[in-house]
Amino acid sequence: MKSPVEEVVRKALALDEQDRAEVAARLLDSLESVEADEEDAWAVEIERRATELESGAVQGVSWEEFQGRLLHSRRGR
């Protein structure tokens, strides 16, 4: 006997791509635990960082540079 999860996954995978995306979105929404206050706080933080970048107060780095710094810092541990 298949578990209920296996049965649901089997049926979901038989759907077309658009319907699978809809199922995935609904499942993710059901797990959403971020409160509105947290979302607002992230929006404020994003705006602050964008303003710093636009004003030149801080400078961005490339993904490659970031990876290099991260690897270097991990080696120092």
C-alpha atoms as a PDB file:
ATOM      1  CA  MET A   1       0.000   0.000   0.000  1.00  0.00           C
ATOM      2  CA  LYS A   2       1.368   3.414  -0.965  1.00  0.00           C
ATOM      3  CA  SER A   3       1.584   6.196   1.566  1.00  0.00           C
ATOM      4  CA  PRO A   4      -0.733   9.166   1.085  1.00  0.00           C
ATOM      5  CA  VAL A   5       2.292  11.359   0.306  1.00  0.00           C
ATOM      6  CA  GLU A   6       3.520   9.012  -2.421  1.00  0.00           C
ATOM      7  CA  GLU A   7       0.056   8.941  -3.963  1.00  0.00           C
ATOM      8  CA  VAL A   8      -0.259  12.735  -3.946  1.00  0.00           C
ATOM      9  CA  VAL A   9       3.216  13.159  -5.461  1.00  0.00           C
ATOM     10  CA  ARG A  10       2.489  10.569  -8.143  1.00  0.00           C
ATOM     11  CA  LYS A  11      -0.715  12.360  -9.109  1.00  0.00           C
ATOM     12  CA  ALA A  12       0.937  15.791  -9.003  1.00  0.00           C
ATOM     13  CA  LEU A  13       3.767  14.672 -11.264  1.00  0.00           C
ATOM     14  CA  ALA A  14       1.219  13.500 -13.821  1.00  0.00           C
ATOM     15  CA  LEU A  15      -0.100  17.072 -14.177  1.00  0.00           C
ATOM     16  CA  ASP A  16       1.113  19.447 -16.861  1.00  0.00           C
ATOM     17  CA  GLU A  17       3.790  21.997 -15.956  1.00  0.00           C
ATOM     18  CA  GLN A  18       1.403  24.860 -15.284  1.00  0.00           C
ATOM     19  CA  ASP A  19      -0.771  22.787 -12.964  1.00  0.00           C
ATOM     20  CA  ARG A  20       2.310  21.430 -11.139  1.00  0.00           C
ATOM     21  CA  ALA A  21       3.471  25.021 -10.611  1.00  0.00           C
ATOM     22  CA  GLU A  22       0.059  25.912  -9.190  1.00  0.00           C
ATOM     23  CA  VAL A  23       0.163  22.940  -6.802  1.00  0.00           C
ATOM     24  CA  ALA A  24       3.707  23.855  -5.724  1.00  0.00           C
ATOM     25  CA  ALA A  25       2.738  27.483  -5.112  1.00  0.00           C
ATOM     26  CA  ARG A  26      -0.254  26.496  -3.032  1.00  0.00           C
ATOM     27  CA  LEU A  27       1.785  24.053  -0.964  1.00  0.00           C
ATOM     28  CA  LEU A  28       4.472  26.669  -0.339  1.00  0.00           C
ATOM     29  CA  ASP A  29       1.836  29.217   0.625  1.00  0.00           C
ATOM     30  CA  SER A  30       0.466  26.757   3.164  1.00  0.00           C
ATOM     31  CA  LEU A  31       3.897  26.619   4.804  1.00  0.00           C
ATOM     32  CA  GLU A  32       4.336  30.382   4.881  1.00  0.00           C
ATOM     33  CA  SER A  33       5.230  31.348   8.420  1.00  0.00           C
ATOM     34  CA  VAL A  34       6.692  34.800   7.843  1.00  0.00           C
ATOM     35  CA  GLU A  35       4.698  37.412   9.682  1.00  0.00           C
ATOM     36  CA  ALA A  36       3.762  40.733   8.103  1.00  0.00           C
ATOM     37  CA  ASP A  37       6.055  42.580  10.535  1.00  0.00           C
ATOM     38  CA  GLU A  38       9.002  40.479   9.402  1.00  0.00           C
ATOM     39  CA  GLU A  39       8.176  41.162   5.761  1.00  0.00           C
ATOM     40  CA  ASP A  40       7.994  44.879   6.519  1.00  0.00           C
ATOM     41  CA  ALA A  41      11.343  44.739   8.302  1.00  0.00           C
ATOM     42  CA  TRP A  42      12.936  43.040   5.292  1.00  0.00           C
ATOM     43  CA  ALA A  43      11.458  45.663   2.967  1.00  0.00           C
ATOM     44  CA  VAL A  44      12.996  48.427   5.112  1.00  0.00           C
ATOM     45  CA  GLU A  45      16.362  46.641   5.144  1.00  0.00           C
ATOM     46  CA  ILE A  46      16.325  46.148   1.378  1.00  0.00           C
ATOM     47  CA  GLU A  47      15.516  49.817   0.851  1.00  0.00           C
ATOM     48  CA  ARG A  48      18.322  50.846   3.226  1.00  0.00           C
ATOM     49  CA  ARG A  49      20.857  48.695   1.392  1.00  0.00           C
ATOM     50  CA  ALA A  50      19.707  49.914  -2.024  1.00  0.00           C
ATOM     51  CA  THR A  51      20.035  53.523  -0.872  1.00  0.00           C
ATOM     52  CA  GLU A  52      23.559  52.856   0.419  1.00  0.00           C
ATOM     53  CA  LEU A  53      24.552  51.334  -2.922  1.00  0.00           C
ATOM     54  CA  GLU A  54      22.996  54.126  -4.965  1.00  0.00           C
ATOM     55  CA  SER A  55      24.628  56.856  -2.850  1.00  0.00           C
ATOM     56  CA  GLY A  56      28.050  55.232  -3.053  1.00  0.00           C
ATOM     57  CA  ALA A  57      28.264  54.795   0.729  1.00  0.00           C
ATOM     58  CA  VAL A  58      29.008  51.127   0.114  1.00  0.00           C
ATOM     59  CA  GLN A  59      30.309  49.279  -2.884  1.00  0.00           C
ATOM     60  CA  GLY A  60      29.028  45.987  -4.193  1.00  0.00           C
ATOM     61  CA  VAL A  61      31.231  43.035  -5.028  1.00  0.00           C
ATOM     62  CA  SER A  62      30.883  40.441  -7.754  1.00  0.00           C
ATOM     63  CA  TRP A  63      29.713  36.927  -6.978  1.00  0.00           C
ATOM     64  CA  GLU A  64      33.207  35.640  -7.806  1.00  0.00           C
ATOM     65  CA  GLU A  65      34.828  38.075  -5.371  1.00  0.00           C
ATOM     66  CA  PHE A  66      32.341  37.159  -2.663  1.00  0.00           C
ATOM     67  CA  GLN A  67      33.037  33.441  -3.154  1.00  0.00           C
ATOM     68  CA  GLY A  68      36.766  34.091  -2.936  1.00  0.00           C
ATOM     69  CA  ARG A  69      36.394  36.050   0.295  1.00  0.00           C
ATOM     70  CA  LEU A  70      34.166  33.357   1.755  1.00  0.00           C
ATOM     71  CA  LEU A  71      36.604  30.568   0.890  1.00  0.00           C
ATOM     72  CA  HIS A  72      39.509  32.613   2.274  1.00  0.00           C
ATOM     73  CA  SER A  73      37.683  33.259   5.545  1.00  0.00           C
ATOM     74  CA  ARG A  74      36.806  29.578   5.945  1.00  0.00           C
ATOM     75  CA  ARG A  75      40.415  28.537   5.452  1.00  0.00           C
ATOM     76  CA  GLY A  76      41.428  30.811   8.305  1.00  0.00           C
ATOM     77  CA  ARG A  77      39.323  28.894  10.827  1.00  0.00           C
END
